[in-house]
C-alpha atoms as a PDB file:
ATOM      1  CA  MET A   1      42.414  47.662  18.799  1.00  0.00           C
ATOM      2  CA  LYS A   2      38.224  48.029  20.249  1.00  0.00           C
ATOM      3  CA  THR A   3      36.401  45.187  20.641  1.00  0.00           C
ATOM      4  CA  ARG A   4      32.519  44.848  20.630  1.00  0.00           C
ATOM      5  CA  SER A   5      31.123  44.395  23.428  1.00  0.00           C
ATOM      6  CA  PRO A   6      28.864  40.711  23.686  1.00  0.00           C
ATOM      7  CA  ILE A   7      25.644  42.720  23.968  1.00  0.00           C
ATOM      8  CA  LEU A   8      26.071  45.257  21.030  1.00  0.00           C
ATOM      9  CA  TYR A   9      26.771  41.558  19.796  1.00  0.00           C
ATOM     10  CA  PHE A  10      23.987  39.708  20.659  1.00  0.00           C
ATOM     11  CA  LEU A  11      21.817  43.258  19.251  1.00  0.00           C
ATOM     12  CA  SER A  12      22.701  43.389  15.899  1.00  0.00           C
ATOM     13  CA  LEU A  13      22.830  39.582  15.908  1.00  0.00           C
ATOM     14  CA  ILE A  14      18.988  39.945  16.334  1.00  0.00           C
ATOM     15  CA  ILE A  15      18.517  42.898  14.426  1.00  0.00           C
ATOM     16  CA  PHE A  16      19.465  40.909  11.473  1.00  0.00           C
ATOM     17  CA  ILE A  17      17.840  37.707  11.848  1.00  0.00           C
ATOM     18  CA  PHE A  18      14.969  40.439  12.230  1.00  0.00           C
ATOM     19  CA  SER A  19      15.878  42.502   9.087  1.00  0.00           C
ATOM     20  CA  THR A  20      15.897  38.995   6.301  1.00  0.00           C
ATOM     21  CA  PHE A  21      12.711  37.225   7.625  1.00  0.00           C
ATOM     22  CA  THR A  22      11.686  40.968   7.177  1.00  0.00           C
ATOM     23  CA  THR A  23      12.810  41.538   3.808  1.00  0.00           C
ATOM     24  CA  ASN A  24      12.296  37.271   2.251  1.00  0.00           C
ATOM     25  CA  PRO A  25      11.543  35.850   4.780  1.00  0.00           C
ATOM     26  CA  THR A  26      10.667  31.965   3.395  1.00  0.00           C
ATOM     27  CA  LYS A  27      14.621  32.453   3.771  1.00  0.00           C
ATOM     28  CA  CYS A  28      13.271  31.282   7.403  1.00  0.00           C
ATOM     29  CA  LEU A  29      10.799  28.001   7.044  1.00  0.00           C
ATOM     30  CA  VAL A  30      10.644  25.163   6.654  1.00  0.00           C
ATOM     31  CA  THR A  31       9.018  22.921   4.486  1.00  0.00           C
ATOM     32  CA  THR A  32       6.797  20.367   5.994  1.00  0.00           C
ATOM     33  CA  ASP A  33       5.420  19.332   2.764  1.00  0.00           C
ATOM     34  CA  SER A  34       6.292  15.502   3.082  1.00  0.00           C
ATOM     35  CA  ALA A  35       3.682  13.996   1.761  1.00  0.00           C
ATOM     36  CA  PRO A  36       5.347  10.601  -0.123  1.00  0.00           C
ATOM     37  CA  ASN A  37       4.905  10.292  -3.626  1.00  0.00           C
ATOM     38  CA  PRO A  38       1.200   9.430  -5.438  1.00  0.00           C
ATOM     39  CA  VAL A  39       1.117   6.177  -7.200  1.00  0.00           C
ATOM     40  CA  LEU A  40       0.800   6.310 -10.756  1.00  0.00           C
ATOM     41  CA  ASP A  41      -0.892   3.744 -13.887  1.00  0.00           C
ATOM     42  CA  VAL A  42       0.570   2.114 -16.585  1.00  0.00           C
ATOM     43  CA  GLU A  43      -0.392   5.118 -18.307  1.00  0.00           C
ATOM     44  CA  GLY A  44       0.883   7.582 -16.194  1.00  0.00           C
ATOM     45  CA  ASN A  45      -2.111   8.806 -13.564  1.00  0.00           C
ATOM     46  CA  GLU A  46      -2.041   9.675 -10.853  1.00  0.00           C
ATOM     47  CA  LEU A  47      -3.705   6.368  -8.677  1.00  0.00           C
ATOM     48  CA  ARG A  48      -7.822   8.167  -7.189  1.00  0.00           C
ATOM     49  CA  LYS A  49      -9.640   6.253  -4.832  1.00  0.00           C
ATOM     50  CA  GLY A  50     -13.133   4.479  -5.633  1.00  0.00           C
ATOM     51  CA  ILE A  51     -11.328   4.092  -9.011  1.00  0.00           C
ATOM     52  CA  ASP A  52     -11.514   0.356 -11.125  1.00  0.00           C
ATOM     53  CA  TYR A  53      -8.306  -0.861 -11.681  1.00  0.00           C
ATOM     54  CA  TYR A  54      -6.267  -4.083 -12.348  1.00  0.00           C
ATOM     55  CA  VAL A  55      -3.418  -5.453 -11.053  1.00  0.00           C
ATOM     56  CA  LEU A  56      -0.976  -6.748 -13.244  1.00  0.00           C
ATOM     57  CA  PRO A  57       2.480  -8.088 -13.315  1.00  0.00           C
ATOM     58  CA  ALA A  58       5.056  -5.658 -14.604  1.00  0.00           C
ATOM     59  CA  ILE A  59       6.550  -8.592 -16.028  1.00  0.00           C
ATOM     60  CA  LEU A  60       6.008 -10.134 -19.329  1.00  0.00           C
ATOM     61  CA  GLY A  61       4.537 -14.112 -19.682  1.00  0.00           C
ATOM     62  CA  ASN A  62       4.440 -13.397 -15.510  1.00  0.00           C
ATOM     63  CA  SER A  63       0.790 -14.894 -15.489  1.00  0.00           C
ATOM     64  CA  GLY A  64      -1.715 -12.547 -15.249  1.00  0.00           C
ATOM     65  CA  GLY A  65      -3.858 -10.395 -12.752  1.00  0.00           C
ATOM     66  CA  LEU A  66      -4.837 -11.050  -9.537  1.00  0.00           C
ATOM     67  CA  THR A  67      -8.312 -12.730  -8.662  1.00  0.00           C
ATOM     68  CA  LEU A  68     -11.081 -14.653  -6.103  1.00  0.00           C
ATOM     69  CA  SER A  69     -10.869 -18.396  -5.538  1.00  0.00           C
ATOM     70  CA  SER A  70     -11.313 -20.998  -3.410  1.00  0.00           C
ATOM     71  CA  THR A  71      -7.872 -23.142  -3.138  1.00  0.00           C
ATOM     72  CA  SER A  72      -8.434 -26.419  -1.693  1.00  0.00           C
ATOM     73  CA  ASN A  73      -7.767 -25.747   1.913  1.00  0.00           C
ATOM     74  CA  ALA A  74     -11.107 -23.443   2.305  1.00  0.00           C
ATOM     75  CA  THR A  75     -14.044 -25.115   4.650  1.00  0.00           C
ATOM     76  CA  THR A  76     -16.757 -23.778   1.476  1.00  0.00           C
ATOM     77  CA  ALA A  77     -17.284 -23.524  -1.176  1.00  0.00           C
ATOM     78  CA  CYS A  78     -16.949 -19.522  -1.635  1.00  0.00           C
ATOM     79  CA  PRO A  79     -13.894 -18.008  -3.630  1.00  0.00           C
ATOM     80  CA  LEU A  80     -12.292 -16.665  -0.278  1.00  0.00           C
ATOM     81  CA  ASP A  81      -8.260 -16.311  -1.656  1.00  0.00           C
ATOM     82  CA  VAL A  82      -6.304 -13.813  -3.117  1.00  0.00           C
ATOM     83  CA  VAL A  83      -4.633 -15.348  -6.612  1.00  0.00           C
ATOM     84  CA  GLN A  84      -3.221 -15.073  -9.507  1.00  0.00           C
ATOM     85  CA  GLU A  85      -4.685 -15.449 -12.897  1.00  0.00           C
ATOM     86  CA  GLN A  86      -2.263 -18.466 -14.440  1.00  0.00           C
ATOM     87  CA  HIS A  87      -2.991 -17.601 -18.411  1.00  0.00           C
ATOM     88  CA  GLU A  88      -1.374 -13.129 -18.958  1.00  0.00           C
ATOM     89  CA  VAL A  89      -4.072 -12.458 -21.603  1.00  0.00           C
ATOM     90  CA  ASP A  90      -6.683 -12.457 -18.028  1.00  0.00           C
ATOM     91  CA  ASN A  91      -6.763  -9.262 -16.117  1.00  0.00           C
ATOM     92  CA  GLY A  92      -8.385 -10.858 -13.364  1.00  0.00           C
ATOM     93  CA  LEU A  93     -11.266  -8.825 -11.692  1.00  0.00           C
ATOM     94  CA  PRO A  94     -10.907  -5.020 -10.678  1.00  0.00           C
ATOM     95  CA  LEU A  95      -9.920  -3.607  -7.128  1.00  0.00           C
ATOM     96  CA  THR A  96     -10.562  -0.268  -5.259  1.00  0.00           C
ATOM     97  CA  PHE A  97      -8.031   1.375  -3.292  1.00  0.00           C
ATOM     98  CA  SER A  98      -9.369   3.435  -0.276  1.00  0.00           C
ATOM     99  CA  PRO A  99      -6.786   5.259   1.388  1.00  0.00           C
ATOM    100  CA  VAL A 100      -6.063   5.527   5.245  1.00  0.00           C
ATOM    101  CA  ASN A 101      -7.274   9.156   4.690  1.00  0.00           C
ATOM    102  CA  PRO A 102     -10.998   9.338   3.932  1.00  0.00           C
ATOM    103  CA  LYS A 103     -10.867  12.706   3.096  1.00  0.00           C
ATOM    104  CA  LYS A 104      -7.757  12.217   0.623  1.00  0.00           C
ATOM    105  CA  GLY A 105      -8.018  10.860  -3.207  1.00  0.00           C
ATOM    106  CA  LEU A 106      -4.409   9.920  -4.111  1.00  0.00           C
ATOM    107  CA  ILE A 107      -3.515   6.780  -2.938  1.00  0.00           C
ATOM    108  CA  ARG A 108       0.324   7.638  -2.084  1.00  0.00           C
ATOM    109  CA  ILE A 109       3.745   5.748  -2.168  1.00  0.00           C
ATOM    110  CA  SER A 110       4.308   3.786   1.457  1.00  0.00           C
ATOM    111  CA  THR A 111       0.730   4.594   2.858  1.00  0.00           C
ATOM    112  CA  ASP A 112      -2.186   2.492   4.748  1.00  0.00           C
ATOM    113  CA  ALA A 113      -4.986   1.332   2.130  1.00  0.00           C
ATOM    114  CA  ASN A 114      -7.385  -1.052   1.877  1.00  0.00           C
ATOM    115  CA  ILE A 115      -7.976  -2.492  -1.145  1.00  0.00           C
ATOM    116  CA  LYS A 116     -10.823  -4.605  -1.927  1.00  0.00           C
ATOM    117  CA  PHE A 117     -12.086  -6.489  -5.521  1.00  0.00           C
ATOM    118  CA  SER A 118     -14.721  -4.792  -7.018  1.00  0.00           C
ATOM    119  CA  VAL A 119     -17.167  -7.334  -7.404  1.00  0.00           C
ATOM    120  CA  ALA A 120     -20.493  -8.557  -5.223  1.00  0.00           C
ATOM    121  CA  ILE A 121     -20.169 -12.347  -4.633  1.00  0.00           C
ATOM    122  CA  VAL A 122     -22.704 -14.731  -2.969  1.00  0.00           C
ATOM    123  CA  CYS A 123     -20.204 -14.864   0.136  1.00  0.00           C
ATOM    124  CA  VAL A 124     -21.113 -13.583   3.706  1.00  0.00           C
ATOM    125  CA  ARG A 125     -17.928 -12.401   3.880  1.00  0.00           C
ATOM    126  CA  SER A 126     -16.620  -9.250   2.476  1.00  0.00           C
ATOM    127  CA  THR A 127     -14.010  -8.726  -0.052  1.00  0.00           C
ATOM    128  CA  VAL A 128     -11.464  -6.190   1.463  1.00  0.00           C
ATOM    129  CA  TRP A 129      -8.199  -8.128   1.202  1.00  0.00           C
ATOM    130  CA  ARG A 130      -7.001  -8.931   5.149  1.00  0.00           C
ATOM    131  CA  LEU A 131      -4.308 -11.286   5.550  1.00  0.00           C
ATOM    132  CA  ASP A 132      -4.870 -14.774   7.264  1.00  0.00           C
ATOM    133  CA  GLY A 133      -2.701 -16.510  10.267  1.00  0.00           C
ATOM    134  CA  TYR A 134       0.088 -18.169   9.401  1.00  0.00           C
ATOM    135  CA  ASP A 135      -0.451 -21.538   7.189  1.00  0.00           C
ATOM    136  CA  GLU A 136       1.506 -23.691   9.067  1.00  0.00           C
ATOM    137  CA  SER A 137       1.100 -26.623   7.074  1.00  0.00           C
ATOM    138  CA  VAL A 138       2.897 -24.468   3.997  1.00  0.00           C
ATOM    139  CA  GLY A 139       4.807 -21.718   6.583  1.00  0.00           C
ATOM    140  CA  LYS A 140       3.251 -19.423   4.522  1.00  0.00           C
ATOM    141  CA  SER A 141       0.761 -16.570   5.268  1.00  0.00           C
ATOM    142  CA  PHE A 142      -1.645 -15.662   2.909  1.00  0.00           C
ATOM    143  CA  VAL A 143      -3.767 -12.968   0.981  1.00  0.00           C
ATOM    144  CA  THR A 144      -7.225 -13.775   1.357  1.00  0.00           C
ATOM    145  CA  ALA A 145     -10.791 -11.620   1.494  1.00  0.00           C
ATOM    146  CA  GLY A 146     -13.296 -10.721   4.264  1.00  0.00           C
ATOM    147  CA  GLY A 147     -10.870  -8.107   5.427  1.00  0.00           C
ATOM    148  CA  ILE A 148     -12.715  -5.080   6.969  1.00  0.00           C
ATOM    149  CA  GLU A 149     -12.293  -1.624   5.560  1.00  0.00           C
ATOM    150  CA  GLY A 150     -11.920   1.584   7.545  1.00  0.00           C
ATOM    151  CA  ASP A 151     -11.478   1.958  10.830  1.00  0.00           C
ATOM    152  CA  PRO A 152      -8.349   1.923  11.218  1.00  0.00           C
ATOM    153  CA  GLY A 153      -6.455   0.396  14.064  1.00  0.00           C
ATOM    154  CA  ARG A 154      -6.486  -3.227  16.742  1.00  0.00           C
ATOM    155  CA  GLU A 155      -9.087  -4.844  14.732  1.00  0.00           C
ATOM    156  CA  THR A 156      -9.255  -3.552  11.078  1.00  0.00           C
ATOM    157  CA  VAL A 157      -4.838  -4.036  11.576  1.00  0.00           C
ATOM    158  CA  SER A 158      -5.050  -6.560   9.438  1.00  0.00           C
ATOM    159  CA  SER A 159      -7.076  -5.569   6.510  1.00  0.00           C
ATOM    160  CA  TRP A 160      -4.284  -2.505   5.500  1.00  0.00           C
ATOM    161  CA  PHE A 161      -1.702  -2.724   2.540  1.00  0.00           C
ATOM    162  CA  ARG A 162       0.643  -0.732   0.779  1.00  0.00           C
ATOM    163  CA  ILE A 163       2.001   0.278  -2.293  1.00  0.00           C
ATOM    164  CA  ASP A 164       6.049   0.650  -2.909  1.00  0.00           C
ATOM    165  CA  GLU A 165       8.009   0.950  -5.243  1.00  0.00           C
ATOM    166  CA  TYR A 166       9.795  -1.717  -6.166  1.00  0.00           C
ATOM    167  CA  GLU A 167      13.419  -1.407  -9.380  1.00  0.00           C
ATOM    168  CA  GLY A 168      11.600   1.102 -11.240  1.00  0.00           C
ATOM    169  CA  ASP A 169       7.798  -0.625 -10.846  1.00  0.00           C
ATOM    170  CA  TYR A 170       5.844  -0.770  -7.829  1.00  0.00           C
ATOM    171  CA  LYS A 171       4.811  -4.479  -5.019  1.00  0.00           C
ATOM    172  CA  LEU A 172       2.428  -4.705  -2.052  1.00  0.00           C
ATOM    173  CA  VAL A 173       3.665  -5.175   1.397  1.00  0.00           C
ATOM    174  CA  PHE A 174       2.181  -5.672   4.393  1.00  0.00           C
ATOM    175  CA  CYS A 175       3.636  -2.712   7.521  1.00  0.00           C
ATOM    176  CA  PRO A 176       0.845  -1.086   8.723  1.00  0.00           C
ATOM    177  CA  MET A 177       0.927   1.567  10.460  1.00  0.00           C
ATOM    178  CA  VAL A 178      -2.248   1.552  12.474  1.00  0.00           C
ATOM    179  CA  CYS A 179      -1.569   1.014  15.364  1.00  0.00           C
ATOM    180  CA  ASN A 180       0.853   1.393  17.065  1.00  0.00           C
ATOM    181  CA  VAL A 181       0.797  -1.448  20.198  1.00  0.00           C
ATOM    182  CA  CYS A 182      -0.041  -4.153  16.657  1.00  0.00           C
ATOM    183  CA  LYS A 183       2.720  -6.229  16.839  1.00  0.00           C
ATOM    184  CA  VAL A 184       2.833  -7.537  13.318  1.00  0.00           C
ATOM    185  CA  ARG A 185       4.284  -9.081  10.767  1.00  0.00           C
ATOM    186  CA  CYS A 186       5.801  -7.219   7.886  1.00  0.00           C
ATOM    187  CA  GLY A 187       7.275  -8.852   4.515  1.00  0.00           C
ATOM    188  CA  ASP A 188       6.071  -7.991   0.714  1.00  0.00           C
ATOM    189  CA  ILE A 189       3.422  -9.736  -0.915  1.00  0.00           C
ATOM    190  CA  GLY A 190       4.735 -12.413  -3.512  1.00  0.00           C
ATOM    191  CA  VAL A 191       3.182 -15.855  -5.332  1.00  0.00           C
ATOM    192  CA  TYR A 192       3.298 -19.200  -3.610  1.00  0.00           C
ATOM    193  CA  MET A 193       1.620 -22.515  -6.029  1.00  0.00           C
ATOM    194  CA  ASP A 194       0.266 -24.576  -4.320  1.00  0.00           C
ATOM    195  CA  VAL A 195       0.159 -28.192  -5.159  1.00  0.00           C
ATOM    196  CA  HIS A 196      -2.278 -27.990  -7.622  1.00  0.00           C
ATOM    197  CA  GLY A 197      -0.454 -25.339  -9.466  1.00  0.00           C
ATOM    198  CA  THR A 198      -2.813 -22.227  -7.974  1.00  0.00           C
ATOM    199  CA  ARG A 199      -0.822 -19.006  -7.216  1.00  0.00           C
ATOM    200  CA  ARG A 200      -1.822 -17.853  -4.496  1.00  0.00           C
ATOM    201  CA  LEU A 201      -0.565 -14.383  -2.477  1.00  0.00           C
ATOM    202  CA  ALA A 202       1.550 -14.217   0.354  1.00  0.00           C
ATOM    203  CA  LEU A 203       4.025 -12.738   1.898  1.00  0.00           C
ATOM    204  CA  SER A 204       7.605 -13.716   1.136  1.00  0.00           C
ATOM    205  CA  ASP A 205      11.301 -13.227  -0.209  1.00  0.00           C
ATOM    206  CA  VAL A 206       9.602 -12.549  -3.391  1.00  0.00           C
ATOM    207  CA  PRO A 207       7.440  -9.753  -4.021  1.00  0.00           C
ATOM    208  CA  LEU A 208       5.672  -9.642  -7.350  1.00  0.00           C
ATOM    209  CA  LYS A 209       6.116  -6.557  -9.037  1.00  0.00           C
ATOM    210  CA  ILE A 210       2.681  -4.740 -10.657  1.00  0.00           C
ATOM    211  CA  MET A 211       1.333  -2.645 -12.621  1.00  0.00           C
ATOM    212  CA  PHE A 212      -1.858  -0.981 -11.991  1.00  0.00           C
ATOM    213  CA  LYS A 213      -3.866  -0.525 -15.216  1.00  0.00           C
ATOM    214  CA  LYS A 214      -7.093   1.569 -15.030  1.00  0.00           C
ATOM    215  CA  ALA A 215     -10.785  -1.115 -15.269  1.00  0.00           C
END
């Protein structure tokens, strides 16, 4: 029995690949559409940039929405800290989300975004969220206002958060990817109740399970 020469085999393989590609090109294409899924509100609609939403606990009876408040540690009367309303019936203040890519209109899972209260305050500081420095007295890093919107990089690294899926709902996470050389302490955002009963948002081992309601 005659065996096919290596050269003829190689040529046959090239012809087969070429004919397959020209007949059905999609078989040889690699899918590159790997964008994360969009975040959905309680009505199943996609979260969009610049639209007002309430961030509410997904578990009934777990207090209310999110707002700004001046805590006992604040050096001024300005409401600088992000806290949770005590009562379930309180939706808190509306918020907007801005993705790291300003050209995108959807808020996607596990993607850096700015979070901003849609209110005007007397303080000079902005209402953009940021993660404050580590408070050694209680061993926590708290979420406050005064962040910088946009301009991803070293100077704004503390102002970027993301939304991750969590047990059928969502959670907030601080683990920005806007600065490759920055060392950040990643973690879930949960609730820390201080000695005055204020429910302050902070890095926590127990995330606050949340949902989004269009304001």
